[in-house]
């Protein structure tokens, strides 16, 4: 295999270490976990902000009352 092109007098390019597949999987898992934490924090902030200004909608499927009688 031929060596990569290098300009005369230039420092050699640094070598890139091989990536261990297990390390890559572990790093990807940490990134997903961090994204989930950030996503949850953003959703919580959005809901709490909507509640604070009175525009939070519970949704059509949510019923609230002192009591229900189902027959």
Protein backbone atom coordinates (compact mmCIF):
# COMPACT_ATOMS: atom_id res chain seq x y z
CA UNK A 1 0.00 0.00 0.00
CA UNK A 2 1.34 3.46 -0.86
CA UNK A 3 2.04 6.02 1.87
CA UNK A 4 -0.25 9.09 1.88
CA UNK A 5 0.99 12.19 0.07
CA UNK A 6 3.09 14.51 2.23
CA UNK A 7 4.51 17.93 1.36
CA UNK A 8 8.30 18.14 1.57
CA UNK A 9 9.36 19.52 4.96
CA UNK A 10 5.88 19.13 6.49
CA UNK A 11 5.33 17.25 9.72
CA UNK A 12 3.80 13.82 9.24
CA UNK A 13 0.05 13.54 9.80
CA UNK A 14 -0.86 12.07 13.18
CA UNK A 15 -2.06 8.50 13.12
CA UNK A 16 -5.67 7.83 14.08
CA UNK A 17 -6.02 4.99 16.55
CA UNK A 18 -8.36 2.15 15.66
CA UNK A 19 -11.81 2.48 17.20
CA UNK A 20 -12.76 -0.34 19.52
CA UNK A 21 -16.34 -1.39 18.61
CA UNK A 22 -17.25 -1.91 22.28
CA UNK A 23 -16.08 1.62 23.11
CA UNK A 24 -18.13 3.01 20.22
CA UNK A 25 -21.26 1.23 21.47
CA UNK A 26 -20.63 2.48 25.01
CA UNK A 27 -20.12 6.05 23.77
CA UNK A 28 -23.28 5.87 21.66
CA UNK A 29 -25.22 4.70 24.72
CA UNK A 30 -23.91 7.65 26.75
CA UNK A 31 -24.94 10.06 23.99
CA UNK A 32 -28.45 8.56 23.85
CA UNK A 33 -28.76 8.76 27.65
CA UNK A 34 -27.64 12.40 27.66
CA UNK A 35 -30.10 13.23 24.87
CA UNK A 36 -32.92 11.60 26.84
CA UNK A 37 -32.08 13.64 29.95
CA UNK A 38 -31.97 16.88 27.94
CA UNK A 39 -35.21 15.99 26.15
CA UNK A 40 -36.98 15.25 29.43
CA UNK A 41 -35.74 18.52 30.93
CA UNK A 42 -36.96 20.49 27.91
CA UNK A 43 -40.38 18.82 28.03
CA UNK A 44 -40.66 19.44 31.77
CA UNK A 45 -39.74 23.11 31.31
CA UNK A 46 -42.30 23.50 28.53
CA UNK A 47 -45.12 21.94 30.56
CA UNK A 48 -44.23 23.88 33.72
CA UNK A 49 -44.10 27.11 31.71
CA UNK A 50 -47.52 26.44 30.19
CA UNK A 51 -48.98 25.68 33.63
CA UNK A 52 -47.47 28.90 35.03
CA UNK A 53 -49.14 31.09 32.39
CA UNK A 54 -52.41 29.14 32.44
CA UNK A 55 -52.36 27.69 28.92
CA UNK A 56 -51.68 24.06 29.78
CA UNK A 57 -54.39 21.89 28.23
CA UNK A 58 -55.02 18.58 29.96
CA UNK A 59 -56.45 17.11 26.76
CA UNK A 60 -59.78 15.65 25.77
CA UNK A 61 -59.08 12.27 27.30
CA UNK A 62 -58.51 13.70 30.80
CA UNK A 63 -61.51 14.04 33.10
CA UNK A 64 -61.41 15.89 36.40
CA UNK A 65 -64.10 16.00 39.04
CA UNK A 66 -64.66 15.60 42.75
CA UNK A 67 -66.24 12.20 42.01
CA UNK A 68 -67.64 10.06 39.20
CA UNK A 69 -70.60 7.73 39.16
CA UNK A 70 -70.42 5.08 36.46
CA UNK A 71 -73.46 2.89 35.94
